[in-house]
Amino acid sequence: MITFPNKQCEICKVFSNGSRVNILLALRDKPCTVSELIEKTGLNQSVVSQHLAILRNKSIVEAEKNGAWITYRLKYPEIMKAFDIMREIAKKISGGTK
């Protein structure tokens, strides 16, 4: 049985990887294809695909097939509110620097 605190820890583990965070930030404003995510993040195709699989498995992103293209989007856009809060706290902890 997964309790709420355990689920919360599981989600935080997903966010503990910089590549996944960069992918989520790239998806912040609009859905993207793998090609667009590669361009936005600077990661290679295999890394983007690997992390998208993890994010999909954890129900953080969802995919929609449009012809030959698959578009990825945040399943819960409110995740970005949590990212903004974490960024502000990180700034405070590091003395206000980025």
PDB file of N, CA and C in Angstrom:
ATOM      1  N   MET A   1       0.833  -1.183   0.000  1.00  0.00           N
ATOM      2  CA  MET A   1       0.000   0.000   0.000  1.00  0.00           C
ATOM      3  C   MET A   1       0.879   1.249   0.000  1.00  0.00           C
ATOM      4  N   ILE A   2       0.652   2.153  -0.935  1.00  0.00           N
ATOM      5  CA  ILE A   2       1.422   3.397  -1.011  1.00  0.00           C
ATOM      6  C   ILE A   2       0.631   4.481  -0.300  1.00  0.00           C
ATOM      7  N   THR A   3       1.250   5.036   0.737  1.00  0.00           N
ATOM      8  CA  THR A   3       0.605   6.128   1.464  1.00  0.00           C
ATOM      9  C   THR A   3       0.968   7.450   0.820  1.00  0.00           C
ATOM     10  N   PHE A   4       0.229   8.486   1.175  1.00  0.00           N
ATOM     11  CA  PHE A   4       0.485   9.806   0.587  1.00  0.00           C
ATOM     12  C   PHE A   4       1.928  10.252   0.766  1.00  0.00           C
ATOM     13  N   PRO A   5       2.509  10.196   1.992  1.00  0.00           N
ATOM     14  CA  PRO A   5       3.917  10.622   2.108  1.00  0.00           C
ATOM     15  C   PRO A   5       4.862   9.808   1.232  1.00  0.00           C
ATOM     16  N   ASN A   6       4.610   8.516   1.096  1.00  0.00           N
ATOM     17  CA  ASN A   6       5.461   7.700   0.225  1.00  0.00           C
ATOM     18  C   ASN A   6       5.325   8.123  -1.231  1.00  0.00           C
ATOM     19  N   LYS A   7       4.104   8.421  -1.650  1.00  0.00           N
ATOM     20  CA  LYS A   7       3.876   8.874  -3.024  1.00  0.00           C
ATOM     21  C   LYS A   7       4.587  10.210  -3.259  1.00  0.00           C
ATOM     22  N   GLN A   8       4.505  11.087  -2.268  1.00  0.00           N
ATOM     23  CA  GLN A   8       5.177  12.383  -2.375  1.00  0.00           C
ATOM     24  C   GLN A   8       6.689  12.196  -2.513  1.00  0.00           C
ATOM     25  N   CYS A   9       7.259  11.297  -1.747  1.00  0.00           N
ATOM     26  CA  CYS A   9       8.699  11.015  -1.850  1.00  0.00           C
ATOM     27  C   CYS A   9       9.045  10.437  -3.217  1.00  0.00           C
ATOM     28  N   GLU A  10       8.175   9.572  -3.722  1.00  0.00           N
ATOM     29  CA  GLU A  10       8.384   8.975  -5.041  1.00  0.00           C
ATOM     30  C   GLU A  10       8.419  10.054  -6.129  1.00  0.00           C
ATOM     31  N   ILE A  11       7.511  11.011  -6.045  1.00  0.00           N
ATOM     32  CA  ILE A  11       7.472  12.105  -7.018  1.00  0.00           C
ATOM     33  C   ILE A  11       8.722  12.966  -6.895  1.00  0.00           C
ATOM     34  N   CYS A  12       9.126  13.260  -5.663  1.00  0.00           N
ATOM     35  CA  CYS A  12      10.331  14.080  -5.462  1.00  0.00           C
ATOM     36  C   CYS A  12      11.569  13.399  -6.041  1.00  0.00           C
ATOM     37  N   LYS A  13      11.641  12.077  -5.955  1.00  0.00           N
ATOM     38  CA  LYS A  13      12.765  11.353  -6.547  1.00  0.00           C
ATOM     39  C   LYS A  13      12.814  11.580  -8.060  1.00  0.00           C
ATOM     40  N   VAL A  14      11.652  11.613  -8.692  1.00  0.00           N
ATOM     41  CA  VAL A  14      11.593  11.856 -10.138  1.00  0.00           C
ATOM     42  C   VAL A  14      12.171  13.235 -10.447  1.00  0.00           C
ATOM     43  N   PHE A  15      11.891  14.210  -9.584  1.00  0.00           N
ATOM     44  CA  PHE A  15      12.354  15.584  -9.792  1.00  0.00           C
ATOM     45  C   PHE A  15      13.805  15.797  -9.367  1.00  0.00           C
ATOM     46  N   SER A  16      14.456  14.758  -8.852  1.00  0.00           N
ATOM     47  CA  SER A  16      15.821  14.918  -8.362  1.00  0.00           C
ATOM     48  C   SER A  16      16.873  14.776  -9.461  1.00  0.00           C
ATOM     49  N   ASN A  17      16.444  14.619 -10.699  1.00  0.00           N
ATOM     50  CA  ASN A  17      17.362  14.474 -11.821  1.00  0.00           C
ATOM     51  C   ASN A  17      17.313  15.731 -12.684  1.00  0.00           C
ATOM     52  N   GLY A  18      18.450  16.355 -12.894  1.00  0.00           N
ATOM     53  CA  GLY A  18      18.524  17.603 -13.650  1.00  0.00           C
ATOM     54  C   GLY A  18      17.995  17.500 -15.074  1.00  0.00           C
ATOM     55  N   SER A  19      18.241  16.378 -15.734  1.00  0.00           N
ATOM     56  CA  SER A  19      17.741  16.215 -17.108  1.00  0.00           C
ATOM     57  C   SER A  19      16.218  16.200 -17.122  1.00  0.00           C
ATOM     58  N   ARG A  20      15.625  15.502 -16.160  1.00  0.00           N
ATOM     59  CA  ARG A  20      14.158  15.469 -16.100  1.00  0.00           C
ATOM     60  C   ARG A  20      13.597  16.847 -15.782  1.00  0.00           C
ATOM     61  N   VAL A  21      14.248  17.558 -14.884  1.00  0.00           N
ATOM     62  CA  VAL A  21      13.797  18.920 -14.568  1.00  0.00           C
ATOM     63  C   VAL A  21      13.865  19.799 -15.813  1.00  0.00           C
ATOM     64  N   ASN A  22      14.942  19.703 -16.570  1.00  0.00           N
ATOM     65  CA  ASN A  22      15.061  20.493 -17.804  1.00  0.00           C
ATOM     66  C   ASN A  22      13.962  20.144 -18.806  1.00  0.00           C
ATOM     67  N   ILE A  23      13.624  18.880 -18.908  1.00  0.00           N
ATOM     68  CA  ILE A  23      12.541  18.468 -19.806  1.00  0.00           C
ATOM     69  C   ILE A  23      11.221  19.064 -19.328  1.00  0.00           C
ATOM     70  N   LEU A  24      10.952  18.990 -18.038  1.00  0.00           N
ATOM     71  CA  LEU A  24       9.704  19.547 -17.505  1.00  0.00           C
ATOM     72  C   LEU A  24       9.642  21.052 -17.701  1.00  0.00           C
ATOM     73  N   LEU A  25      10.762  21.734 -17.496  1.00  0.00           N
ATOM     74  CA  LEU A  25      10.787  23.183 -17.724  1.00  0.00           C
ATOM     75  C   LEU A  25      10.546  23.509 -19.198  1.00  0.00           C
ATOM     76  N   ALA A  26      11.053  22.662 -20.089  1.00  0.00           N
ATOM     77  CA  ALA A  26      10.827  22.870 -21.525  1.00  0.00           C
ATOM     78  C   ALA A  26       9.354  22.674 -21.884  1.00  0.00           C
ATOM     79  N   LEU A  27       8.665  21.837 -21.127  1.00  0.00           N
ATOM     80  CA  LEU A  27       7.248  21.585 -21.368  1.00  0.00           C
ATOM     81  C   LEU A  27       6.345  22.586 -20.659  1.00  0.00           C
ATOM     82  N   ARG A  28       6.943  23.487 -19.912  1.00  0.00           N
ATOM     83  CA  ARG A  28       6.186  24.432 -19.098  1.00  0.00           C
ATOM     84  C   ARG A  28       5.161  25.233 -19.902  1.00  0.00           C
ATOM     85  N   ASP A  29       5.581  25.782 -21.025  1.00  0.00           N
ATOM     86  CA  ASP A  29       4.727  26.702 -21.767  1.00  0.00           C
ATOM     87  C   ASP A  29       3.871  26.047 -22.842  1.00  0.00           C
ATOM     88  N   LYS A  30       4.363  24.921 -23.375  1.00  0.00           N
ATOM     89  CA  LYS A  30       3.587  24.280 -24.439  1.00  0.00           C
ATOM     90  C   LYS A  30       4.062  22.848 -24.632  1.00  0.00           C
ATOM     91  N   PRO A  31       3.187  22.008 -25.165  1.00  0.00           N
ATOM     92  CA  PRO A  31       3.589  20.635 -25.488  1.00  0.00           C
ATOM     93  C   PRO A  31       4.711  20.638 -26.530  1.00  0.00           C
ATOM     94  N   CYS A  32       5.528  19.601 -26.500  1.00  0.00           N
ATOM     95  CA  CYS A  32       6.674  19.503 -27.418  1.00  0.00           C
ATOM     96  C   CYS A  32       6.851  18.079 -27.916  1.00  0.00           C
ATOM     97  N   THR A  33       7.449  17.978 -29.090  1.00  0.00           N
ATOM     98  CA  THR A  33       7.888  16.688 -29.617  1.00  0.00           C
ATOM     99  C   THR A  33       9.279  16.400 -29.049  1.00  0.00           C
ATOM    100  N   VAL A  34       9.751  15.186 -29.251  1.00  0.00           N
ATOM    101  CA  VAL A  34      11.104  14.836 -28.809  1.00  0.00           C
ATOM    102  C   VAL A  34      12.122  15.753 -29.474  1.00  0.00           C
ATOM    103  N   SER A  35      11.951  16.025 -30.762  1.00  0.00           N
ATOM    104  CA  SER A  35      12.883  16.907 -31.478  1.00  0.00           C
ATOM    105  C   SER A  35      12.936  18.289 -30.836  1.00  0.00           C
ATOM    106  N   GLU A  36      11.777  18.821 -30.483  1.00  0.00           N
ATOM    107  CA  GLU A  36      11.742  20.141 -29.835  1.00  0.00           C
ATOM    108  C   GLU A  36      12.399  20.089 -28.456  1.00  0.00           C
ATOM    109  N   LEU A  37      12.190  18.990 -27.728  1.00  0.00           N
ATOM    110  CA  LEU A  37      12.819  18.858 -26.409  1.00  0.00           C
ATOM    111  C   LEU A  37      14.335  18.751 -26.529  1.00  0.00           C
ATOM    112  N   ILE A  38      14.811  18.061 -27.547  1.00  0.00           N
ATOM    113  CA  ILE A  38      16.256  17.971 -27.792  1.00  0.00           C
ATOM    114  C   ILE A  38      16.817  19.365 -28.026  1.00  0.00           C
ATOM    115  N   GLU A  39      16.137  20.126 -28.858  1.00  0.00           N
ATOM    116  CA  GLU A  39      16.578  21.489 -29.177  1.00  0.00           C
ATOM    117  C   GLU A  39      16.553  22.383 -27.934  1.00  0.00           C
ATOM    118  N   LYS A  40      15.492  22.309 -27.155  1.00  0.00           N
ATOM    119  CA  LYS A  40      15.346  23.177 -25.986  1.00  0.00           C
ATOM    120  C   LYS A  40      16.288  22.820 -24.843  1.00  0.00           C
ATOM    121  N   THR A  41      16.561  21.523 -24.673  1.00  0.00           N
ATOM    122  CA  THR A  41      17.352  21.089 -23.520  1.00  0.00           C
ATOM    123  C   THR A  41      18.824  20.852 -23.829  1.00  0.00           C
ATOM    124  N   GLY A  42      19.142  20.602 -25.091  1.00  0.00           N
ATOM    125  CA  GLY A  42      20.524  20.278 -25.447  1.00  0.00           C
ATOM    126  C   GLY A  42      20.895  18.833 -25.130  1.00  0.00           C
ATOM    127  N   LEU A  43      19.925  18.045 -24.703  1.00  0.00           N
ATOM    128  CA  LEU A  43      20.166  16.635 -24.411  1.00  0.00           C
ATOM    129  C   LEU A  43      20.062  15.825 -25.706  1.00  0.00           C
ATOM    130  N   ASN A  44      20.697  14.659 -25.725  1.00  0.00           N
ATOM    131  CA  ASN A  44      20.585  13.839 -26.933  1.00  0.00           C
ATOM    132  C   ASN A  44      19.293  13.034 -26.912  1.00  0.00           C
ATOM    133  N   GLN A  45      18.945  12.473 -28.046  1.00  0.00           N
ATOM    134  CA  GLN A  45      17.666  11.795 -28.234  1.00  0.00           C
ATOM    135  C   GLN A  45      17.469  10.646 -27.259  1.00  0.00           C
ATOM    136  N   SER A  46      18.493   9.845 -27.036  1.00  0.00           N
ATOM    137  CA  SER A  46      18.318   8.687 -26.159  1.00  0.00           C
ATOM    138  C   SER A  46      18.068   9.121 -24.711  1.00  0.00           C
ATOM    139  N   VAL A  47      18.728  10.193 -24.279  1.00  0.00           N
ATOM    140  CA  VAL A  47      18.531  10.703 -22.917  1.00  0.00           C
ATOM    141  C   VAL A  47      17.114  11.257 -22.768  1.00  0.00           C
ATOM    142  N   VAL A  48      16.673  12.047 -23.743  1.00  0.00           N
ATOM    143  CA  VAL A  48      15.314  12.609 -23.695  1.00  0.00           C
ATOM    144  C   VAL A  48      14.287  11.479 -23.669  1.00  0.00           C
ATOM    145  N   SER A  49      14.445  10.497 -24.531  1.00  0.00           N
ATOM    146  CA  SER A  49      13.493   9.385 -24.593  1.00  0.00           C
ATOM    147  C   SER A  49      13.471   8.589 -23.291  1.00  0.00           C
ATOM    148  N   GLN A  50      14.652   8.345 -22.733  1.00  0.00           N
ATOM    149  CA  GLN A  50      14.747   7.595 -21.470  1.00  0.00           C
ATOM    150  C   GLN A  50      14.003   8.330 -20.353  1.00  0.00           C
ATOM    151  N   HIS A  51      14.217   9.631 -20.247  1.00  0.00           N
ATOM    152  CA  HIS A  51      13.586  10.396 -19.172  1.00  0.00           C
ATOM    153  C   HIS A  51      12.090  10.606 -19.415  1.00  0.00           C
ATOM    154  N   LEU A  52      11.693  10.739 -20.665  1.00  0.00           N
ATOM    155  CA  LEU A  52      10.259  10.825 -20.961  1.00  0.00           C
ATOM    156  C   LEU A  52       9.547   9.536 -20.552  1.00  0.00           C
ATOM    157  N   ALA A  53      10.190   8.407 -20.748  1.00  0.00           N
ATOM    158  CA  ALA A  53       9.602   7.129 -20.338  1.00  0.00           C
ATOM    159  C   ALA A  53       9.377   7.102 -18.828  1.00  0.00           C
ATOM    160  N   ILE A  54      10.339   7.589 -18.079  1.00  0.00           N
ATOM    161  CA  ILE A  54      10.201   7.645 -16.617  1.00  0.00           C
ATOM    162  C   ILE A  54       9.068   8.594 -16.234  1.00  0.00           C
ATOM    163  N   LEU A  55       9.042   9.761 -16.858  1.00  0.00           N
ATOM    164  CA  LEU A  55       8.011  10.756 -16.546  1.00  0.00           C
ATOM    165  C   LEU A  55       6.620  10.251 -16.922  1.00  0.00           C
ATOM    166  N   ARG A  56       6.518   9.532 -18.007  1.00  0.00           N
ATOM    167  CA  ARG A  56       5.227   8.948 -18.400  1.00  0.00           C
ATOM    168  C   ARG A  56       4.822   7.847 -17.431  1.00  0.00           C
ATOM    169  N   ASN A  57       5.776   7.017 -17.055  1.00  0.00           N
ATOM    170  CA  ASN A  57       5.506   5.918 -16.131  1.00  0.00           C
ATOM    171  C   ASN A  57       4.982   6.431 -14.792  1.00  0.00           C
ATOM    172  N   LYS A  58       5.444   7.581 -14.376  1.00  0.00           N
ATOM    173  CA  LYS A  58       5.026   8.176 -13.104  1.00  0.00           C
ATOM    174  C   LYS A  58       3.825   9.107 -13.273  1.00  0.00           C
ATOM    175  N   SER A  59       3.249   9.130 -14.464  1.00  0.00           N
ATOM    176  CA  SER A  59       2.054   9.945 -14.778  1.00  0.00           C
ATOM    177  C   SER A  59       2.285  11.437 -14.590  1.00  0.00           C
ATOM    178  N   ILE A  60       3.500  11.893 -14.894  1.00  0.00           N
ATOM    179  CA  ILE A  60       3.823  13.316 -14.796  1.00  0.00           C
ATOM    180  C   ILE A  60       3.659  13.989 -16.148  1.00  0.00           C
ATOM    181  N   VAL A  61       3.996  13.266 -17.212  1.00  0.00           N
ATOM    182  CA  VAL A  61       3.727  13.765 -18.567  1.00  0.00           C
ATOM    183  C   VAL A  61       2.841  12.755 -19.281  1.00  0.00           C
ATOM    184  N   GLU A  62       2.164  13.245 -20.311  1.00  0.00           N
ATOM    185  CA  GLU A  62       1.359  12.366 -21.147  1.00  0.00           C
ATOM    186  C   GLU A  62       1.711  12.625 -22.603  1.00  0.00           C
ATOM    187  N   ALA A  63       1.466  11.634 -23.421  1.00  0.00           N
ATOM    188  CA  ALA A  63       1.816  11.709 -24.834  1.00  0.00           C
ATOM    189  C   ALA A  63       0.563  11.628 -25.685  1.00  0.00           C
ATOM    190  N   GLU A  64       0.616  12.352 -26.813  1.00  0.00           N
ATOM    191  CA  GLU A  64      -0.476  12.313 -27.772  1.00  0.00           C
ATOM    192  C   GLU A  64       0.121  12.113 -29.159  1.00  0.00           C
ATOM    193  N   LYS A  65      -0.340  11.087 -29.842  1.00  0.00           N
ATOM    194  CA  LYS A  65       0.175  10.808 -31.182  1.00  0.00           C
ATOM    195  C   LYS A  65      -0.617  11.619 -32.201  1.00  0.00           C
ATOM    196  N   ASN A  66       0.107  12.380 -33.017  1.00  0.00           N
ATOM    197  CA  ASN A  66      -0.479  13.179 -34.094  1.00  0.00           C
ATOM    198  C   ASN A  66       0.202  12.776 -35.393  1.00  0.00           C
ATOM    199  N   GLY A  67      -0.378  11.813 -36.098  1.00  0.00           N
ATOM    200  CA  GLY A  67       0.261  11.313 -37.311  1.00  0.00           C
ATOM    201  C   GLY A  67       1.561  10.616 -36.960  1.00  0.00           C
ATOM    202  N   ALA A  68       2.649  11.086 -37.551  1.00  0.00           N
ATOM    203  CA  ALA A  68       3.959  10.489 -37.296  1.00  0.00           C
ATOM    204  C   ALA A  68       4.622  11.051 -36.044  1.00  0.00           C
ATOM    205  N   TRP A  69       4.052  12.096 -35.458  1.00  0.00           N
ATOM    206  CA  TRP A  69       4.665  12.790 -34.330  1.00  0.00           C
ATOM    207  C   TRP A  69       3.981  12.433 -33.018  1.00  0.00           C
ATOM    208  N   ILE A  70       4.762  12.388 -31.960  1.00  0.00           N
ATOM    209  CA  ILE A  70       4.221  12.244 -30.613  1.00  0.00           C
ATOM    210  C   ILE A  70       4.538  13.530 -29.874  1.00  0.00           C
ATOM    211  N   THR A  71       3.514  14.126 -29.315  1.00  0.00           N
ATOM    212  CA  THR A  71       3.673  15.363 -28.562  1.00  0.00           C
ATOM    213  C   THR A  71       3.528  15.055 -27.071  1.00  0.00           C
ATOM    214  N   TYR A  72       4.428  15.617 -26.287  1.00  0.00           N
ATOM    215  CA  TYR A  72       4.418  15.402 -24.841  1.00  0.00           C
ATOM    216  C   TYR A  72       3.968  16.679 -24.150  1.00  0.00           C
ATOM    217  N   ARG A  73       3.203  16.499 -23.065  1.00  0.00           N
ATOM    218  CA  ARG A  73       2.732  17.649 -22.284  1.00  0.00           C
ATOM    219  C   ARG A  73       2.700  17.270 -20.812  1.00  0.00           C
ATOM    220  N   LEU A  74       2.730  18.304 -19.980  1.00  0.00           N
ATOM    221  CA  LEU A  74       2.585  18.074 -18.549  1.00  0.00           C
ATOM    222  C   LEU A  74       1.174  17.585 -18.276  1.00  0.00           C
ATOM    223  N   LYS A  75       1.058  16.518 -17.536  1.00  0.00           N
ATOM    224  CA  LYS A  75      -0.267  16.026 -17.182  1.00  0.00           C
ATOM    225  C   LYS A  75      -0.899  16.935 -16.128  1.00  0.00           C
ATOM    226  N   TYR A  76      -0.050  17.471 -15.266  1.00  0.00           N
ATOM    227  CA  TYR A  76      -0.503  18.365 -14.202  1.00  0.00           C
ATOM    228  C   TYR A  76       0.329  19.644 -14.257  1.00  0.00           C
ATOM    229  N   PRO A  77      -0.100  20.646 -15.014  1.00  0.00           N
ATOM    230  CA  PRO A  77       0.679  21.883 -15.144  1.00  0.00           C
ATOM    231  C   PRO A  77       0.977  22.575 -13.815  1.00  0.00           C
ATOM    232  N   GLU A  78       0.181  22.289 -12.794  1.00  0.00           N
ATOM    233  CA  GLU A  78       0.438  22.904 -11.486  1.00  0.00           C
ATOM    234  C   GLU A  78       1.762  22.448 -10.871  1.00  0.00           C
ATOM    235  N   ILE A  79       2.384  21.433 -11.469  1.00  0.00           N
ATOM    236  CA  ILE A  79       3.731  21.029 -11.045  1.00  0.00           C
ATOM    237  C   ILE A  79       4.673  22.224 -11.107  1.00  0.00           C
ATOM    238  N   MET A  80       4.465  23.103 -12.077  1.00  0.00           N
ATOM    239  CA  MET A  80       5.341  24.255 -12.236  1.00  0.00           C
ATOM    240  C   MET A  80       5.255  25.208 -11.038  1.00  0.00           C
ATOM    241  N   LYS A  81       4.125  25.260 -10.356  1.00  0.00           N
ATOM    242  CA  LYS A  81       4.028  26.064  -9.129  1.00  0.00           C
ATOM    243  C   LYS A  81       5.000  25.522  -8.088  1.00  0.00           C
ATOM    244  N   ALA A  82       5.052  24.204  -7.971  1.00  0.00           N
ATOM    245  CA  ALA A  82       5.984  23.583  -7.028  1.00  0.00           C
ATOM    246  C   ALA A  82       7.426  23.889  -7.423  1.00  0.00           C
ATOM    247  N   PHE A  83       7.729  23.847  -8.719  1.00  0.00           N
ATOM    248  CA  PHE A  83       9.076  24.170  -9.184  1.00  0.00           C
ATOM    249  C   PHE A  83       9.434  25.613  -8.839  1.00  0.00           C
ATOM    250  N   ASP A  84       8.493  26.530  -9.030  1.00  0.00           N
ATOM    251  CA  ASP A  84       8.744  27.940  -8.723  1.00  0.00           C
ATOM    252  C   ASP A  84       9.028  28.129  -7.234  1.00  0.00           C
ATOM    253  N   ILE A  85       8.267  27.446  -6.389  1.00  0.00           N
ATOM    254  CA  ILE A  85       8.490  27.530  -4.942  1.00  0.00           C
ATOM    255  C   ILE A  85       9.863  26.969  -4.590  1.00  0.00           C
ATOM    256  N   MET A  86      10.215  25.824  -5.168  1.00  0.00           N
ATOM    257  CA  MET A  86      11.524  25.222  -4.889  1.00  0.00           C
ATOM    258  C   MET A  86      12.655  26.134  -5.355  1.00  0.00           C
ATOM    259  N   ARG A  87      12.479  26.798  -6.514  1.00  0.00           N
ATOM    260  CA  ARG A  87      13.505  27.705  -7.018  1.00  0.00           C
ATOM    261  C   ARG A  87      13.705  28.877  -6.059  1.00  0.00           C
ATOM    262  N   GLU A  88      12.618  29.437  -5.554  1.00  0.00           N
ATOM    263  CA  GLU A  88      12.711  30.553  -4.613  1.00  0.00           C
ATOM    264  C   GLU A  88      13.402  30.130  -3.315  1.00  0.00           C
ATOM    265  N   ILE A  89      13.090  28.967  -2.832  1.00  0.00           N
ATOM    266  CA  ILE A  89      13.742  28.467  -1.621  1.00  0.00           C
ATOM    267  C   ILE A  89      15.216  28.221  -1.874  1.00  0.00           C
ATOM    268  N   ALA A  90      15.548  27.642  -3.026  1.00  0.00           N
ATOM    269  CA  ALA A  90      16.954  27.406  -3.370  1.00  0.00           C
ATOM    270  C   ALA A  90      17.730  28.714  -3.437  1.00  0.00           C
ATOM    271  N   LYS A  91      17.115  29.774  -3.970  1.00  0.00           N
ATOM    272  CA  LYS A  91      17.758  31.090  -4.021  1.00  0.00           C
ATOM    273  C   LYS A  91      18.038  31.593  -2.621  1.00  0.00           C
ATOM    274  N   LYS A  92      17.064  31.451  -1.727  1.00  0.00           N
ATOM    275  CA  LYS A  92      17.228  31.921  -0.354  1.00  0.00           C
ATOM    276  C   LYS A  92      18.336  31.147   0.355  1.00  0.00           C
ATOM    277  N   ILE A  93      18.336  29.840   0.153  1.00  0.00           N
ATOM    278  CA  ILE A  93      19.356  29.011   0.790  1.00  0.00           C
ATOM    279  C   ILE A  93      20.751  29.353   0.286  1.00  0.00           C
ATOM    280  N   SER A  94      20.854  29.658  -1.012  1.00  0.00           N
ATOM    281  CA  SER A  94      22.162  29.953  -1.585  1.00  0.00           C
ATOM    282  C   SER A  94      22.528  31.440  -1.484  1.00  0.00           C
ATOM    283  N   GLY A  95      21.776  32.190  -0.721  1.00  0.00           N
ATOM    284  CA  GLY A  95      22.095  33.598  -0.516  1.00  0.00           C
ATOM    285  C   GLY A  95      21.599  34.513  -1.603  1.00  0.00           C
ATOM    286  N   GLY A  96      20.592  34.097  -2.345  1.00  0.00           N
ATOM    287  CA  GLY A  96      19.989  34.966  -3.356  1.00  0.00           C
ATOM    288  C   GLY A  96      20.609  34.869  -4.734  1.00  0.00           C
ATOM    289  N   THR A  97      21.625  34.029  -4.902  1.00  0.00           N
ATOM    290  CA  THR A  97      22.226  33.880  -6.236  1.00  0.00           C
ATOM    291  C   THR A  97      21.533  32.740  -6.961  1.00  0.00           C
ATOM    292  N   LYS A  98      21.618  32.765  -8.275  1.00  0.00           N
ATOM    293  CA  LYS A  98      20.981  31.713  -9.091  1.00  0.00           C
ATOM    294  C   LYS A  98      21.729  30.424  -9.023  1.00  0.00           C
TER     295      LYS A  98
END
